[in-house]
Amino acid sequence: MTRVVYYARYSTDKQSASSIEDQFRLCEAHAMREKWAVVGSYHDAAISGSGMTLRPGIQALLRDAQAGAFDAEISQKGCTSG
């Protein structure tokens, strides 16, 4: 079974914190349709998307991807293999 993680983010404090939960709901629906095993989630809130260095959620996701902790990542943009 494919092991997946979710990643969600929003970039400014003017956006709603519920944006992350909304994105995770979309990811959950996608994973259920595909019958994938969800093994984790990551997020970054109110942090600019212009670079990855200052986003702790994406940094943790990248570390776990290198360690082979999952097979693919799902975000509202779609799915990418890890």
PDB file of N, CA and C in Angstrom:
ATOM      1  N   MET A   1       0.848  -1.182   0.000  1.00  0.00           N
ATOM      2  CA  MET A   1       0.000   0.000   0.000  1.00  0.00           C
ATOM      3  C   MET A   1       0.893   1.244   0.000  1.00  0.00           C
ATOM      4  N   THR A   2       0.506   2.220  -0.769  1.00  0.00           N
ATOM      5  CA  THR A   2       1.249   3.472  -0.856  1.00  0.00           C
ATOM      6  C   THR A   2       1.099   4.270   0.434  1.00  0.00           C
ATOM      7  N   ARG A   3       2.228   4.666   1.010  1.00  0.00           N
ATOM      8  CA  ARG A   3       2.247   5.479   2.231  1.00  0.00           C
ATOM      9  C   ARG A   3       2.360   6.947   1.832  1.00  0.00           C
ATOM     10  N   VAL A   4       1.404   7.753   2.277  1.00  0.00           N
ATOM     11  CA  VAL A   4       1.402   9.164   1.908  1.00  0.00           C
ATOM     12  C   VAL A   4       1.386  10.065   3.131  1.00  0.00           C
ATOM     13  N   VAL A   5       1.829  11.309   2.904  1.00  0.00           N
ATOM     14  CA  VAL A   5       1.726  12.367   3.911  1.00  0.00           C
ATOM     15  C   VAL A   5       1.042  13.560   3.260  1.00  0.00           C
ATOM     16  N   TYR A   6       0.487  14.417   4.087  1.00  0.00           N
ATOM     17  CA  TYR A   6      -0.144  15.640   3.616  1.00  0.00           C
ATOM     18  C   TYR A   6       0.795  16.810   3.883  1.00  0.00           C
ATOM     19  N   TYR A   7       0.716  17.815   3.009  1.00  0.00           N
ATOM     20  CA  TYR A   7       1.385  19.083   3.272  1.00  0.00           C
ATOM     21  C   TYR A   7       0.415  20.202   2.931  1.00  0.00           C
ATOM     22  N   ALA A   8       0.260  21.133   3.859  1.00  0.00           N
ATOM     23  CA  ALA A   8      -0.621  22.284   3.643  1.00  0.00           C
ATOM     24  C   ALA A   8       0.074  23.535   4.151  1.00  0.00           C
ATOM     25  N   ARG A   9      -0.278  24.664   3.553  1.00  0.00           N
ATOM     26  CA  ARG A   9       0.311  25.924   3.991  1.00  0.00           C
ATOM     27  C   ARG A   9      -0.587  27.093   3.599  1.00  0.00           C
ATOM     28  N   TYR A  10      -0.380  28.180   4.303  1.00  0.00           N
ATOM     29  CA  TYR A  10      -0.896  29.464   3.847  1.00  0.00           C
ATOM     30  C   TYR A  10       0.161  30.485   4.181  1.00  0.00           C
ATOM     31  N   SER A  11       0.196  31.578   3.423  1.00  0.00           N
ATOM     32  CA  SER A  11       1.371  32.433   3.463  1.00  0.00           C
ATOM     33  C   SER A  11       1.280  33.697   4.310  1.00  0.00           C
ATOM     34  N   THR A  12       0.102  34.170   4.616  1.00  0.00           N
ATOM     35  CA  THR A  12       0.030  35.411   5.382  1.00  0.00           C
ATOM     36  C   THR A  12      -0.932  35.288   6.549  1.00  0.00           C
ATOM     37  N   ASP A  13      -0.729  36.145   7.529  1.00  0.00           N
ATOM     38  CA  ASP A  13      -1.619  36.142   8.688  1.00  0.00           C
ATOM     39  C   ASP A  13      -2.990  36.708   8.350  1.00  0.00           C
ATOM     40  N   LYS A  14      -3.178  37.196   7.126  1.00  0.00           N
ATOM     41  CA  LYS A  14      -4.484  37.683   6.686  1.00  0.00           C
ATOM     42  C   LYS A  14      -5.372  36.547   6.189  1.00  0.00           C
ATOM     43  N   GLN A  15      -4.793  35.369   6.007  1.00  0.00           N
ATOM     44  CA  GLN A  15      -5.564  34.204   5.589  1.00  0.00           C
ATOM     45  C   GLN A  15      -6.041  33.459   6.824  1.00  0.00           C
ATOM     46  N   SER A  16      -7.044  32.655   6.655  1.00  0.00           N
ATOM     47  CA  SER A  16      -7.643  31.922   7.758  1.00  0.00           C
ATOM     48  C   SER A  16      -6.817  30.699   8.142  1.00  0.00           C
ATOM     49  N   ALA A  17      -6.655  30.490   9.437  1.00  0.00           N
ATOM     50  CA  ALA A  17      -5.959  29.293   9.926  1.00  0.00           C
ATOM     51  C   ALA A  17      -6.720  28.041   9.527  1.00  0.00           C
ATOM     52  N   SER A  18      -8.022  28.157   9.294  1.00  0.00           N
ATOM     53  CA  SER A  18      -8.803  26.988   8.871  1.00  0.00           C
ATOM     54  C   SER A  18      -8.418  26.541   7.465  1.00  0.00           C
ATOM     55  N   SER A  19      -7.668  27.360   6.754  1.00  0.00           N
ATOM     56  CA  SER A  19      -7.206  26.993   5.418  1.00  0.00           C
ATOM     57  C   SER A  19      -6.438  25.675   5.449  1.00  0.00           C
ATOM     58  N   ILE A  20      -5.633  25.460   6.476  1.00  0.00           N
ATOM     59  CA  ILE A  20      -4.866  24.218   6.578  1.00  0.00           C
ATOM     60  C   ILE A  20      -5.807  23.036   6.763  1.00  0.00           C
ATOM     61  N   GLU A  21      -6.790  23.159   7.642  1.00  0.00           N
ATOM     62  CA  GLU A  21      -7.747  22.068   7.828  1.00  0.00           C
ATOM     63  C   GLU A  21      -8.523  21.787   6.541  1.00  0.00           C
ATOM     64  N   ASP A  22      -8.889  22.844   5.832  1.00  0.00           N
ATOM     65  CA  ASP A  22      -9.603  22.666   4.565  1.00  0.00           C
ATOM     66  C   ASP A  22      -8.737  21.908   3.560  1.00  0.00           C
ATOM     67  N   GLN A  23      -7.465  22.270   3.486  1.00  0.00           N
ATOM     68  CA  GLN A  23      -6.553  21.583   2.572  1.00  0.00           C
ATOM     69  C   GLN A  23      -6.384  20.116   2.978  1.00  0.00           C
ATOM     70  N   PHE A  24      -6.262  19.867   4.288  1.00  0.00           N
ATOM     71  CA  PHE A  24      -6.128  18.488   4.759  1.00  0.00           C
ATOM     72  C   PHE A  24      -7.375  17.657   4.431  1.00  0.00           C
ATOM     73  N   ARG A  25      -8.563  18.262   4.506  1.00  0.00           N
ATOM     74  CA  ARG A  25      -9.793  17.540   4.150  1.00  0.00           C
ATOM     75  C   ARG A  25      -9.772  17.106   2.683  1.00  0.00           C
ATOM     76  N   LEU A  26      -9.298  17.982   1.811  1.00  0.00           N
ATOM     77  CA  LEU A  26      -9.183  17.624   0.393  1.00  0.00           C
ATOM     78  C   LEU A  26      -8.180  16.492   0.200  1.00  0.00           C
ATOM     79  N   CYS A  27      -7.073  16.562   0.914  1.00  0.00           N
ATOM     80  CA  CYS A  27      -6.056  15.511   0.828  1.00  0.00           C
ATOM     81  C   CYS A  27      -6.599  14.185   1.341  1.00  0.00           C
ATOM     82  N   GLU A  28      -7.336  14.231   2.437  1.00  0.00           N
ATOM     83  CA  GLU A  28      -7.919  13.018   3.018  1.00  0.00           C
ATOM     84  C   GLU A  28      -8.863  12.349   2.022  1.00  0.00           C
ATOM     85  N   ALA A  29      -9.699  13.145   1.365  1.00  0.00           N
ATOM     86  CA  ALA A  29     -10.629  12.599   0.377  1.00  0.00           C
ATOM     87  C   ALA A  29      -9.868  11.940  -0.768  1.00  0.00           C
ATOM     88  N   HIS A  30      -8.796  12.583  -1.196  1.00  0.00           N
ATOM     89  CA  HIS A  30      -7.978  12.032  -2.288  1.00  0.00           C
ATOM     90  C   HIS A  30      -7.348  10.708  -1.855  1.00  0.00           C
ATOM     91  N   ALA A  31      -6.783  10.669  -0.666  1.00  0.00           N
ATOM     92  CA  ALA A  31      -6.146   9.446  -0.158  1.00  0.00           C
ATOM     93  C   ALA A  31      -7.161   8.313  -0.013  1.00  0.00           C
ATOM     94  N   MET A  32      -8.337   8.632   0.456  1.00  0.00           N
ATOM     95  CA  MET A  32      -9.374   7.603   0.610  1.00  0.00           C
ATOM     96  C   MET A  32      -9.799   7.032  -0.745  1.00  0.00           C
ATOM     97  N   ARG A  33      -9.967   7.921  -1.721  1.00  0.00           N
ATOM     98  CA  ARG A  33     -10.337   7.441  -3.066  1.00  0.00           C
ATOM     99  C   ARG A  33      -9.283   6.493  -3.629  1.00  0.00           C
ATOM    100  N   GLU A  34      -8.027   6.796  -3.368  1.00  0.00           N
ATOM    101  CA  GLU A  34      -6.929   5.994  -3.906  1.00  0.00           C
ATOM    102  C   GLU A  34      -6.564   4.796  -3.020  1.00  0.00           C
ATOM    103  N   LYS A  35      -7.178   4.745  -1.823  1.00  0.00           N
ATOM    104  CA  LYS A  35      -6.893   3.684  -0.843  1.00  0.00           C
ATOM    105  C   LYS A  35      -5.418   3.694  -0.399  1.00  0.00           C
ATOM    106  N   TRP A  36      -4.912   4.900  -0.148  1.00  0.00           N
ATOM    107  CA  TRP A  36      -3.547   5.083   0.328  1.00  0.00           C
ATOM    108  C   TRP A  36      -3.535   5.126   1.846  1.00  0.00           C
ATOM    109  N   ALA A  37      -2.432   4.718   2.447  1.00  0.00           N
ATOM    110  CA  ALA A  37      -2.252   4.783   3.897  1.00  0.00           C
ATOM    111  C   ALA A  37      -1.632   6.132   4.257  1.00  0.00           C
ATOM    112  N   VAL A  38      -2.324   6.905   5.060  1.00  0.00           N
ATOM    113  CA  VAL A  38      -1.813   8.205   5.500  1.00  0.00           C
ATOM    114  C   VAL A  38      -0.919   7.971   6.716  1.00  0.00           C
ATOM    115  N   VAL A  39       0.350   8.390   6.607  1.00  0.00           N
ATOM    116  CA  VAL A  39       1.302   8.142   7.683  1.00  0.00           C
ATOM    117  C   VAL A  39       1.802   9.424   8.356  1.00  0.00           C
ATOM    118  N   GLY A  40       1.299  10.588   7.932  1.00  0.00           N
ATOM    119  CA  GLY A  40       1.717  11.820   8.582  1.00  0.00           C
ATOM    120  C   GLY A  40       1.196  13.053   7.879  1.00  0.00           C
ATOM    121  N   SER A  41       1.439  14.203   8.506  1.00  0.00           N
ATOM    122  CA  SER A  41       1.056  15.480   7.908  1.00  0.00           C
ATOM    123  C   SER A  41       2.023  16.565   8.369  1.00  0.00           C
ATOM    124  N   TYR A  42       2.140  17.572   7.548  1.00  0.00           N
ATOM    125  CA  TYR A  42       3.032  18.701   7.805  1.00  0.00           C
ATOM    126  C   TYR A  42       2.304  19.964   7.378  1.00  0.00           C
ATOM    127  N   HIS A  43       2.632  21.075   8.032  1.00  0.00           N
ATOM    128  CA  HIS A  43       2.017  22.337   7.616  1.00  0.00           C
ATOM    129  C   HIS A  43       2.906  23.509   8.001  1.00  0.00           C
ATOM    130  N   ASP A  44       2.681  24.597   7.308  1.00  0.00           N
ATOM    131  CA  ASP A  44       3.318  25.876   7.613  1.00  0.00           C
ATOM    132  C   ASP A  44       2.235  26.932   7.564  1.00  0.00           C
ATOM    133  N   ALA A  45       2.135  27.710   8.621  1.00  0.00           N
ATOM    134  CA  ALA A  45       1.086  28.723   8.731  1.00  0.00           C
ATOM    135  C   ALA A  45       1.685  30.120   8.766  1.00  0.00           C
ATOM    136  N   ALA A  46       1.132  31.001   7.953  1.00  0.00           N
ATOM    137  CA  ALA A  46       1.500  32.415   7.917  1.00  0.00           C
ATOM    138  C   ALA A  46       2.996  32.623   7.690  1.00  0.00           C
ATOM    139  N   ILE A  47       3.558  31.808   6.785  1.00  0.00           N
ATOM    140  CA  ILE A  47       4.971  31.939   6.418  1.00  0.00           C
ATOM    141  C   ILE A  47       5.031  32.075   4.902  1.00  0.00           C
ATOM    142  N   SER A  48       5.777  33.044   4.418  1.00  0.00           N
ATOM    143  CA  SER A  48       5.879  33.288   2.991  1.00  0.00           C
ATOM    144  C   SER A  48       6.300  32.039   2.228  1.00  0.00           C
ATOM    145  N   GLY A  49       5.730  31.880   1.053  1.00  0.00           N
ATOM    146  CA  GLY A  49       6.069  30.755   0.192  1.00  0.00           C
ATOM    147  C   GLY A  49       7.241  31.038  -0.715  1.00  0.00           C
ATOM    148  N   SER A  50       7.886  32.196  -0.565  1.00  0.00           N
ATOM    149  CA  SER A  50       8.960  32.558  -1.485  1.00  0.00           C
ATOM    150  C   SER A  50      10.205  31.703  -1.319  1.00  0.00           C
ATOM    151  N   GLY A  51      10.354  31.073  -0.175  1.00  0.00           N
ATOM    152  CA  GLY A  51      11.508  30.208   0.040  1.00  0.00           C
ATOM    153  C   GLY A  51      11.154  29.091   0.994  1.00  0.00           C
ATOM    154  N   MET A  52      11.909  28.014   0.960  1.00  0.00           N
ATOM    155  CA  MET A  52      11.609  26.875   1.825  1.00  0.00           C
ATOM    156  C   MET A  52      12.421  26.894   3.116  1.00  0.00           C
ATOM    157  N   THR A  53      13.471  27.671   3.168  1.00  0.00           N
ATOM    158  CA  THR A  53      14.377  27.653   4.308  1.00  0.00           C
ATOM    159  C   THR A  53      13.696  27.987   5.624  1.00  0.00           C
ATOM    160  N   LEU A  54      12.799  28.952   5.613  1.00  0.00           N
ATOM    161  CA  LEU A  54      12.171  29.409   6.854  1.00  0.00           C
ATOM    162  C   LEU A  54      10.877  28.679   7.196  1.00  0.00           C
ATOM    163  N   ARG A  55      10.540  27.638   6.440  1.00  0.00           N
ATOM    164  CA  ARG A  55       9.297  26.915   6.692  1.00  0.00           C
ATOM    165  C   ARG A  55       9.610  25.578   7.378  1.00  0.00           C
ATOM    166  N   PRO A  56       9.380  25.484   8.693  1.00  0.00           N
ATOM    167  CA  PRO A  56       9.721  24.259   9.424  1.00  0.00           C
ATOM    168  C   PRO A  56       8.945  23.030   8.964  1.00  0.00           C
ATOM    169  N   GLY A  57       7.704  23.203   8.537  1.00  0.00           N
ATOM    170  CA  GLY A  57       6.908  22.065   8.090  1.00  0.00           C
ATOM    171  C   GLY A  57       7.504  21.409   6.855  1.00  0.00           C
ATOM    172  N   ILE A  58       7.882  22.212   5.871  1.00  0.00           N
ATOM    173  CA  ILE A  58       8.449  21.649   4.642  1.00  0.00           C
ATOM    174  C   ILE A  58       9.832  21.072   4.910  1.00  0.00           C
ATOM    175  N   GLN A  59      10.570  21.680   5.836  1.00  0.00           N
ATOM    176  CA  GLN A  59      11.889  21.139   6.186  1.00  0.00           C
ATOM    177  C   GLN A  59      11.754  19.753   6.813  1.00  0.00           C
ATOM    178  N   ALA A  60      10.784  19.579   7.707  1.00  0.00           N
ATOM    179  CA  ALA A  60      10.549  18.270   8.326  1.00  0.00           C
ATOM    180  C   ALA A  60      10.104  17.257   7.273  1.00  0.00           C
ATOM    181  N   LEU A  61       9.243  17.688   6.348  1.00  0.00           N
ATOM    182  CA  LEU A  61       8.793  16.808   5.275  1.00  0.00           C
ATOM    183  C   LEU A  61       9.987  16.342   4.444  1.00  0.00           C
ATOM    184  N   LEU A  62      10.880  17.252   4.095  1.00  0.00           N
ATOM    185  CA  LEU A  62      12.047  16.889   3.292  1.00  0.00           C
ATOM    186  C   LEU A  62      12.966  15.916   4.027  1.00  0.00           C
ATOM    187  N   ARG A  63      13.170  16.137   5.320  1.00  0.00           N
ATOM    188  CA  ARG A  63      13.996  15.208   6.109  1.00  0.00           C
ATOM    189  C   ARG A  63      13.378  13.813   6.113  1.00  0.00           C
ATOM    190  N   ASP A  64      12.071  13.740   6.338  1.00  0.00           N
ATOM    191  CA  ASP A  64      11.393  12.447   6.381  1.00  0.00           C
ATOM    192  C   ASP A  64      11.388  11.775   5.002  1.00  0.00           C
ATOM    193  N   ALA A  65      11.285  12.573   3.939  1.00  0.00           N
ATOM    194  CA  ALA A  65      11.335  12.010   2.583  1.00  0.00           C
ATOM    195  C   ALA A  65      12.697  11.368   2.341  1.00  0.00           C
ATOM    196  N   GLN A  66      13.763  12.044   2.748  1.00  0.00           N
ATOM    197  CA  GLN A  66      15.106  11.485   2.588  1.00  0.00           C
ATOM    198  C   GLN A  66      15.287  10.209   3.391  1.00  0.00           C
ATOM    199  N   ALA A  67      14.597  10.116   4.522  1.00  0.00           N
ATOM    200  CA  ALA A  67      14.687   8.926   5.376  1.00  0.00           C
ATOM    201  C   ALA A  67      13.790   7.790   4.880  1.00  0.00           C
ATOM    202  N   GLY A  68      12.993   8.045   3.845  1.00  0.00           N
ATOM    203  CA  GLY A  68      12.114   7.011   3.300  1.00  0.00           C
ATOM    204  C   GLY A  68      10.876   6.741   4.127  1.00  0.00           C
ATOM    205  N   ALA A  69      10.438   7.733   4.895  1.00  0.00           N
ATOM    206  CA  ALA A  69       9.296   7.561   5.794  1.00  0.00           C
ATOM    207  C   ALA A  69       7.957   7.441   5.068  1.00  0.00           C
ATOM    208  N   PHE A  70       7.906   7.829   3.798  1.00  0.00           N
ATOM    209  CA  PHE A  70       6.669   7.757   3.033  1.00  0.00           C
ATOM    210  C   PHE A  70       6.998   7.629   1.545  1.00  0.00           C
ATOM    211  N   ASP A  71       5.976   7.295   0.762  1.00  0.00           N
ATOM    212  CA  ASP A  71       6.149   7.093  -0.676  1.00  0.00           C
ATOM    213  C   ASP A  71       5.755   8.300  -1.503  1.00  0.00           C
ATOM    214  N   ALA A  72       4.790   9.095  -1.022  1.00  0.00           N
ATOM    215  CA  ALA A  72       4.292  10.228  -1.794  1.00  0.00           C
ATOM    216  C   ALA A  72       3.760  11.287  -0.847  1.00  0.00           C
ATOM    217  N   GLU A  73       3.691  12.528  -1.367  1.00  0.00           N
ATOM    218  CA  GLU A  73       3.179  13.673  -0.622  1.00  0.00           C
ATOM    219  C   GLU A  73       1.952  14.183  -1.348  1.00  0.00           C
ATOM    220  N   ILE A  74       0.924  14.504  -0.576  1.00  0.00           N
ATOM    221  CA  ILE A  74      -0.306  15.067  -1.148  1.00  0.00           C
ATOM    222  C   ILE A  74      -0.456  16.496  -0.640  1.00  0.00           C
ATOM    223  N   SER A  75      -0.755  17.397  -1.541  1.00  0.00           N
ATOM    224  CA  SER A  75      -1.116  18.767  -1.154  1.00  0.00           C
ATOM    225  C   SER A  75      -2.319  19.171  -1.988  1.00  0.00           C
ATOM    226  N   GLN A  76      -2.836  20.357  -1.775  1.00  0.00           N
ATOM    227  CA  GLN A  76      -3.994  20.773  -2.557  1.00  0.00           C
ATOM    228  C   GLN A  76      -3.639  20.879  -4.033  1.00  0.00           C
ATOM    229  N   LYS A  77      -2.365  20.935  -4.351  1.00  0.00           N
ATOM    230  CA  LYS A  77      -1.920  21.027  -5.739  1.00  0.00           C
ATOM    231  C   LYS A  77      -1.876  19.663  -6.417  1.00  0.00           C
ATOM    232  N   GLY A  78      -1.961  18.583  -5.624  1.00  0.00           N
ATOM    233  CA  GLY A  78      -1.907  17.254  -6.195  1.00  0.00           C
ATOM    234  C   GLY A  78      -0.986  16.351  -5.410  1.00  0.00           C
ATOM    235  N   CYS A  79      -0.454  15.349  -6.055  1.00  0.00           N
ATOM    236  CA  CYS A  79       0.352  14.348  -5.381  1.00  0.00           C
ATOM    237  C   CYS A  79       1.710  14.256  -6.050  1.00  0.00           C
ATOM    238  N   THR A  80       2.768  14.151  -5.250  1.00  0.00           N
ATOM    239  CA  THR A  80       4.108  13.961  -5.791  1.00  0.00           C
ATOM    240  C   THR A  80       4.752  12.783  -5.084  1.00  0.00           C
ATOM    241  N   SER A  81       5.547  12.047  -5.808  1.00  0.00           N
ATOM    242  CA  SER A  81       6.216  10.903  -5.168  1.00  0.00           C
ATOM    243  C   SER A  81       7.412  11.363  -4.377  1.00  0.00           C
ATOM    244  N   GLY A  82       7.692  10.663  -3.279  1.00  0.00           N
ATOM    245  CA  GLY A  82       8.764  11.042  -2.372  1.00  0.00           C
ATOM    246  C   GLY A  82      10.046  10.323  -2.661  1.00  0.00           C
TER     247      GLY A  82
END
